[in-house]
Amino acid sequence: MTDHADASEAVREAVLEAADRIESNKKHLTDLDSAIGDADHGANMSRGFGAVAERVAEMDDAEPHEIVKTVGTTIISEVGGAAGPLYGGSIMSASTALSEGVTAETSVAFAEAYLEKLTDRGDARVGDKTMVDALTPAVHTYKKSIEVDDLPPLAALAKAVDACERGVEYTVPLRARKGRASYLDWRSVGHQDPGATSTLILAEAILDIAAEHLEGDVDRDARDPAVITAEREGLDLSEAVEDGNGAPETDGGEDVPETDGGEDVPEMDGGRDVAGTDDDRDAAGSD
C-alpha cells in the first residue's frame, strides 16, 4: 500500500486526525447519547482519544501495529465502564493483523478482526442499534471491494465510509436492543445511535488522511461498480455486468437445481424479532 516509513506516518496522522474530530464532535455525540443513553459517550470518547493523541504524537519511529496497539491500550486505561475494554480491547487484539505492515490484505484482516472481536465482546449484532450497524457494512464493503472488485485501497476505503454512513442512518428507525438505550424500548426509535456516529467520524478521518498518502479516486458510493457504471452510462444492469464491470459471471450452461414444487418451505415464526430477544438487551450498547 505504502512504504514502511510512510505507512507509519500515515497511521499516526490518521490517529491524530481522528482524535481532533472526536473532540470537535464531543457535543454532538453527547447530545445523541442524552436522547437514548446516559449522556457520556462524547465525554468518554473525548477523554480516551485525547490521551491517545498525547501518546501517539510521541511515537515517531513506531511500527504501524505498535501505534494501533497503543490506541487500544490507552482507551482501555482512560475510558471507564464497559466501553474501554469493548473499544480498546478490540482494537488492541486486531492490531496484530498489521504486524507485517499495512497492505490491502493486512488492512482487510485488521478490519475483519476488529469487527469480530467487537461483536464477540459486546454480544451485539446488526439490528441491535449499536456501532455494529455502522461497522459491519463498512467492513463487508471494504473486503468485497478489495477481494472481489479488485479496487485499489483508497477507492475501497471510500466505499466503506459510504457504507458506514448508510449504517448510521439505518440505526435511526431501529428499536434498541443493547445498552441503556434498550431500556427505552420503543421510545428509542427515531434516534441516531451515538456509537455508530462516532464510528463514522473515525472512518472519515482515516479516509481523509489515506487520500493524502494513496493514489486513486475518492468516490463515496458503496454500490457495486456495475450498478454505478449502468447508471452513469445509461445501461441495463445486465449489460454492465457483461462488460466486466460487476461480479464474476457464472457458467451460462450450468443447470440450476430446481426445487420440488410440491415441497413445503419451512415458515418462519412470525412472532420472532429478527434482531434478537429482549434477554440480550443488557449485554452491550453504543456507549
Protein backbone atom coordinates (compact mmCIF):
# COMPACT_ATOMS: atom_id res chain seq x y z
CA MET A 1 0.00 0.00 0.00
CA THR A 2 2.78 2.40 1.03
CA ASP A 3 6.41 2.03 2.03
CA HIS A 4 7.18 1.29 5.66
CA ALA A 5 8.06 4.82 6.82
CA ASP A 6 5.11 6.39 5.04
CA ALA A 7 2.74 3.75 6.39
CA SER A 8 3.77 4.52 9.96
CA GLU A 9 3.39 8.24 9.42
CA ALA A 10 0.00 7.78 7.75
CA VAL A 11 -1.28 5.67 10.65
CA ARG A 12 -0.01 8.21 13.17
CA GLU A 13 -1.60 11.10 11.27
CA ALA A 14 -4.89 9.21 10.99
CA VAL A 15 -5.00 8.64 14.75
CA LEU A 16 -4.26 12.29 15.50
CA GLU A 17 -6.87 13.44 12.98
CA ALA A 18 -9.40 11.06 14.50
CA ALA A 19 -8.72 12.48 17.95
CA ASP A 20 -9.24 16.03 16.67
CA ARG A 21 -12.56 15.14 15.09
CA ILE A 22 -13.81 13.32 18.17
CA GLU A 23 -13.06 16.45 20.20
CA SER A 24 -14.80 18.66 17.64
CA ASN A 25 -17.87 16.42 17.75
CA LYS A 26 -17.94 15.95 21.52
CA LYS A 27 -21.11 17.99 21.99
CA HIS A 28 -22.86 16.29 19.07
CA LEU A 29 -22.09 12.84 20.48
CA THR A 30 -23.22 13.96 23.92
CA ASP A 31 -26.49 15.27 22.53
CA LEU A 32 -27.17 12.00 20.72
CA ASP A 33 -26.39 9.99 23.84
CA SER A 34 -28.52 12.27 26.00
CA ALA A 35 -31.57 11.25 24.00
CA ILE A 36 -31.23 7.48 24.43
CA GLY A 37 -28.30 6.83 26.77
CA ASP A 38 -26.55 8.30 29.80
CA ALA A 39 -25.04 11.32 28.00
CA ASP A 40 -21.42 10.25 28.48
CA HIS A 41 -20.41 8.96 25.05
CA GLY A 42 -19.00 12.30 23.92
CA ALA A 43 -17.03 12.79 27.13
CA ASN A 44 -15.74 9.21 27.17
CA MET A 45 -14.57 9.31 23.55
CA SER A 46 -13.02 12.76 24.04
CA ARG A 47 -11.12 11.68 27.14
CA GLY A 48 -9.97 8.45 25.55
CA PHE A 49 -8.79 9.89 22.24
CA GLY A 50 -7.29 12.92 23.95
CA ALA A 51 -5.00 10.59 25.84
CA VAL A 52 -4.40 8.58 22.66
CA ALA A 53 -3.28 11.71 20.81
CA GLU A 54 -0.77 12.59 23.55
CA ARG A 55 0.86 9.18 23.44
CA VAL A 56 0.79 8.63 19.68
CA ALA A 57 2.21 12.11 18.98
CA GLU A 58 5.48 10.91 20.54
CA MET A 59 5.68 7.64 18.55
CA ASP A 60 7.71 8.95 15.62
CA ASP A 61 9.60 5.73 14.87
CA ALA A 62 6.99 3.18 15.86
CA GLU A 63 5.68 0.39 13.66
CA PRO A 64 2.07 0.73 12.41
CA HIS A 65 0.83 -2.13 14.56
CA GLU A 66 2.55 -0.64 17.62
CA ILE A 67 0.71 2.64 17.09
CA VAL A 68 -2.62 0.89 16.73
CA LYS A 69 -1.95 -1.27 19.78
CA THR A 70 -1.21 1.88 21.78
CA VAL A 71 -4.58 3.28 20.72
CA GLY A 72 -6.24 0.20 22.16
CA THR A 73 -4.31 0.04 25.43
CA THR A 74 -4.81 3.76 26.04
CA ILE A 75 -8.56 3.58 25.51
CA ILE A 76 -8.74 0.65 27.94
CA SER A 77 -6.97 2.65 30.62
CA GLU A 78 -8.65 6.00 30.03
CA VAL A 79 -12.28 5.17 29.18
CA GLY A 80 -14.37 3.94 32.05
CA GLY A 81 -17.14 1.40 32.29
CA ALA A 82 -17.68 -1.28 29.69
CA ALA A 83 -16.72 0.97 26.78
CA GLY A 84 -12.96 0.90 27.48
CA PRO A 85 -12.47 -2.86 27.21
CA LEU A 86 -15.02 -3.06 24.40
CA TYR A 87 -13.41 -0.47 22.13
CA GLY A 88 -9.82 -0.64 23.32
CA GLY A 89 -9.62 -4.38 23.76
CA SER A 90 -10.95 -5.00 20.27
CA ILE A 91 -8.50 -2.54 18.70
CA MET A 92 -5.56 -3.95 20.66
CA SER A 93 -6.40 -7.52 19.66
CA ALA A 94 -6.89 -6.65 15.99
CA SER A 95 -3.61 -4.70 15.81
CA THR A 96 -1.66 -7.94 15.39
CA ALA A 97 -3.09 -8.21 11.86
CA LEU A 98 -0.83 -5.26 10.93
CA SER A 99 2.37 -6.81 12.28
CA GLU A 100 3.68 -7.37 8.75
CA GLY A 101 2.90 -3.81 7.69
CA VAL A 102 -0.05 -2.04 6.09
CA THR A 103 -1.17 -3.59 2.81
CA ALA A 104 -4.52 -4.19 1.17
CA GLU A 105 -4.52 -7.70 2.58
CA THR A 106 -3.48 -6.82 6.14
CA SER A 107 -5.91 -3.90 6.30
CA VAL A 108 -8.76 -6.25 5.39
CA ALA A 109 -7.56 -8.69 8.04
CA PHE A 110 -7.44 -5.89 10.62
CA ALA A 111 -10.95 -4.70 9.78
CA GLU A 112 -12.37 -8.21 9.99
CA ALA A 113 -10.57 -8.95 13.26
CA TYR A 114 -11.79 -5.70 14.82
CA LEU A 115 -15.39 -6.40 13.82
CA GLU A 116 -15.19 -9.98 15.08
CA LYS A 117 -13.71 -9.00 18.44
CA LEU A 118 -16.18 -6.16 18.89
CA THR A 119 -19.24 -8.28 18.18
CA ASP A 120 -17.96 -11.08 20.40
CA ARG A 121 -17.10 -8.81 23.31
CA GLY A 122 -20.28 -6.75 23.05
CA ASP A 123 -22.59 -9.57 22.03
CA ALA A 124 -24.19 -7.17 19.54
CA ARG A 125 -25.39 -7.95 16.04
CA VAL A 126 -26.72 -5.97 13.10
CA GLY A 127 -30.12 -4.58 14.01
CA ASP A 128 -29.38 -4.04 17.71
CA LYS A 129 -28.92 -0.27 17.21
CA THR A 130 -25.22 -0.07 18.09
CA MET A 131 -21.95 0.80 16.37
CA VAL A 132 -22.06 -2.69 14.84
CA ASP A 133 -24.77 -1.42 12.49
CA ALA A 134 -22.26 1.04 11.02
CA LEU A 135 -19.11 -1.08 11.28
CA THR A 136 -20.48 -4.25 9.68
CA PRO A 137 -21.45 -2.78 6.28
CA ALA A 138 -18.20 -0.80 6.24
CA VAL A 139 -16.05 -3.89 6.78
CA HIS A 140 -18.07 -6.02 4.35
CA THR A 141 -17.88 -3.34 1.67
CA TYR A 142 -14.14 -2.84 2.15
CA LYS A 143 -13.42 -6.57 1.94
CA LYS A 144 -15.60 -7.06 -1.12
CA SER A 145 -14.12 -4.02 -2.87
CA ILE A 146 -10.58 -5.33 -2.35
CA GLU A 147 -11.05 -9.05 -2.85
CA VAL A 148 -13.89 -9.26 -5.38
CA ASP A 149 -13.93 -5.96 -7.27
CA ASP A 150 -10.11 -5.65 -7.19
CA LEU A 151 -10.28 -1.96 -6.35
CA PRO A 152 -7.28 -0.04 -5.00
CA PRO A 153 -7.32 0.50 -1.23
CA LEU A 154 -8.28 4.19 -1.37
CA ALA A 155 -11.30 3.52 -3.59
CA ALA A 156 -12.29 0.59 -1.39
CA LEU A 157 -11.98 2.73 1.73
CA ALA A 158 -14.16 5.44 0.21
CA LYS A 159 -16.86 2.87 -0.50
CA ALA A 160 -16.54 1.54 3.04
CA VAL A 161 -17.06 5.01 4.51
CA ASP A 162 -20.24 5.44 2.48
CA ALA A 163 -21.44 2.06 3.71
CA CYS A 164 -20.66 3.18 7.25
CA GLU A 165 -22.71 6.34 6.78
CA ARG A 166 -25.64 4.32 5.46
CA GLY A 167 -25.33 2.12 8.54
CA VAL A 168 -25.54 5.16 10.81
CA GLU A 169 -28.73 6.26 9.07
CA TYR A 170 -30.07 2.71 9.43
CA THR A 171 -29.92 2.98 13.23
CA VAL A 172 -32.49 5.80 13.34
CA PRO A 173 -35.67 3.72 12.85
CA LEU A 174 -34.44 0.77 14.91
CA ARG A 175 -35.56 -0.20 18.41
CA ALA A 176 -32.50 -0.51 20.64
CA ARG A 177 -31.70 -3.97 21.99
CA LYS A 178 -28.40 -3.31 23.75
CA GLY A 179 -27.13 -0.96 26.40
CA ARG A 180 -29.00 1.76 28.25
CA ALA A 181 -30.91 2.71 25.11
CA SER A 182 -32.70 -0.65 25.25
CA TYR A 183 -34.42 0.43 28.47
CA LEU A 184 -36.37 2.97 26.43
CA ASP A 185 -37.81 0.15 24.32
CA TRP A 186 -39.95 1.69 21.55
CA ARG A 187 -39.05 5.23 22.61
CA SER A 188 -35.55 4.60 21.25
CA VAL A 189 -36.96 4.51 17.72
CA GLY A 190 -36.27 7.69 15.76
CA HIS A 191 -32.91 8.46 17.37
CA GLN A 192 -29.48 8.04 15.81
CA ASP A 193 -27.09 5.77 17.69
CA PRO A 194 -24.12 7.68 19.17
CA GLY A 195 -21.72 4.72 18.92
CA ALA A 196 -22.46 4.28 15.23
CA THR A 197 -21.97 8.03 14.78
CA SER A 198 -18.53 8.07 16.42
CA THR A 199 -17.58 5.08 14.25
CA LEU A 200 -18.36 7.15 11.15
CA ILE A 201 -16.37 10.11 12.48
CA LEU A 202 -13.33 7.88 12.90
CA ALA A 203 -13.79 6.28 9.47
CA GLU A 204 -14.00 9.67 7.77
CA ALA A 205 -10.79 10.78 9.46
CA ILE A 206 -8.99 7.65 8.25
CA LEU A 207 -10.25 8.20 4.69
CA ASP A 208 -9.14 11.82 4.54
CA ILE A 209 -5.62 11.01 5.74
CA ALA A 210 -5.42 8.00 3.40
CA ALA A 211 -6.30 10.30 0.49
CA GLU A 212 -3.16 12.31 1.26
CA HIS A 213 -0.93 9.24 1.11
CA LEU A 214 -2.51 7.00 -1.54
CA GLU A 215 -3.31 7.40 -5.20
CA GLY A 216 -6.79 6.79 -6.57
CA ASP A 217 -10.32 8.10 -6.67
CA VAL A 218 -12.33 9.00 -3.61
CA ASP A 219 -15.89 8.19 -4.64
CA ARG A 220 -18.05 7.65 -1.58
CA ASP A 221 -20.55 5.27 -3.12
CA ALA A 222 -20.94 1.82 -1.57
CA ARG A 223 -22.85 0.38 -4.51
CA ASP A 224 -21.41 -2.33 -6.73
CA PRO A 225 -19.27 -0.95 -9.59
CA ALA A 226 -21.66 -2.49 -12.13
CA VAL A 227 -24.57 -0.55 -10.67
CA ILE A 228 -22.62 2.70 -10.82
CA THR A 229 -21.50 2.01 -14.39
CA ALA A 230 -25.03 1.19 -15.52
CA GLU A 231 -26.35 4.42 -14.04
CA ARG A 232 -23.55 6.56 -15.44
CA GLU A 233 -23.66 5.12 -18.98
CA GLY A 234 -27.39 4.55 -19.23
CA LEU A 235 -27.03 0.77 -19.49
CA ASP A 236 -29.17 -2.04 -18.22
CA LEU A 237 -27.52 -3.65 -15.23
CA SER A 238 -27.10 -6.91 -17.17
CA GLU A 239 -25.16 -5.04 -19.88
CA ALA A 240 -22.83 -3.50 -17.31
CA VAL A 241 -22.11 -6.90 -15.80
CA GLU A 242 -21.42 -8.41 -19.23
CA ASP A 243 -18.91 -5.62 -19.88
CA GLY A 244 -16.91 -6.89 -16.93
CA ASN A 245 -17.83 -4.14 -14.50
CA GLY A 246 -19.60 -6.30 -11.97
CA ALA A 247 -19.41 -9.61 -10.20
CA PRO A 248 -17.92 -12.66 -11.96
CA GLU A 249 -20.35 -14.38 -14.28
CA THR A 250 -21.44 -17.96 -13.71
CA ASP A 251 -21.23 -20.68 -16.35
CA GLY A 252 -24.26 -20.00 -18.52
CA GLY A 253 -24.52 -23.66 -19.46
CA GLU A 254 -24.77 -24.88 -15.91
CA ASP A 255 -28.19 -26.07 -14.86
CA VAL A 256 -29.57 -24.51 -11.74
CA PRO A 257 -31.02 -27.17 -9.47
CA GLU A 258 -34.79 -26.94 -9.34
CA THR A 259 -36.72 -27.21 -6.14
CA ASP A 260 -39.54 -29.63 -5.71
CA GLY A 261 -42.62 -27.58 -6.48
CA GLY A 262 -44.63 -29.66 -4.08
CA GLU A 263 -42.24 -29.33 -1.19
CA ASP A 264 -43.34 -27.14 1.65
CA VAL A 265 -40.99 -24.32 2.52
CA PRO A 266 -40.50 -24.06 6.29
CA GLU A 267 -42.24 -20.99 7.63
CA MET A 268 -40.54 -18.51 9.94
CA ASP A 269 -42.02 -17.73 13.28
CA GLY A 270 -43.85 -14.52 12.57
CA GLY A 271 -43.69 -13.51 16.17
CA ARG A 272 -39.91 -13.65 16.49
CA ASP A 273 -37.88 -10.47 16.17
CA VAL A 274 -35.08 -10.83 13.66
CA ALA A 275 -32.53 -8.80 15.60
CA GLY A 276 -32.65 -10.78 18.83
CA THR A 277 -34.58 -11.18 22.02
CA ASP A 278 -35.12 -8.83 24.89
CA ASP A 279 -32.93 -11.08 27.02
CA ASP A 280 -29.92 -9.71 25.09
CA ARG A 281 -30.57 -6.11 25.97
CA ASP A 282 -28.10 -5.53 28.74
CA ALA A 283 -25.07 -7.21 27.17
CA ALA A 284 -23.59 -4.24 25.32
CA GLY A 285 -24.57 -0.88 23.95
CA SER A 286 -23.16 2.01 21.96
CA ASP A 287 -21.52 3.83 24.85
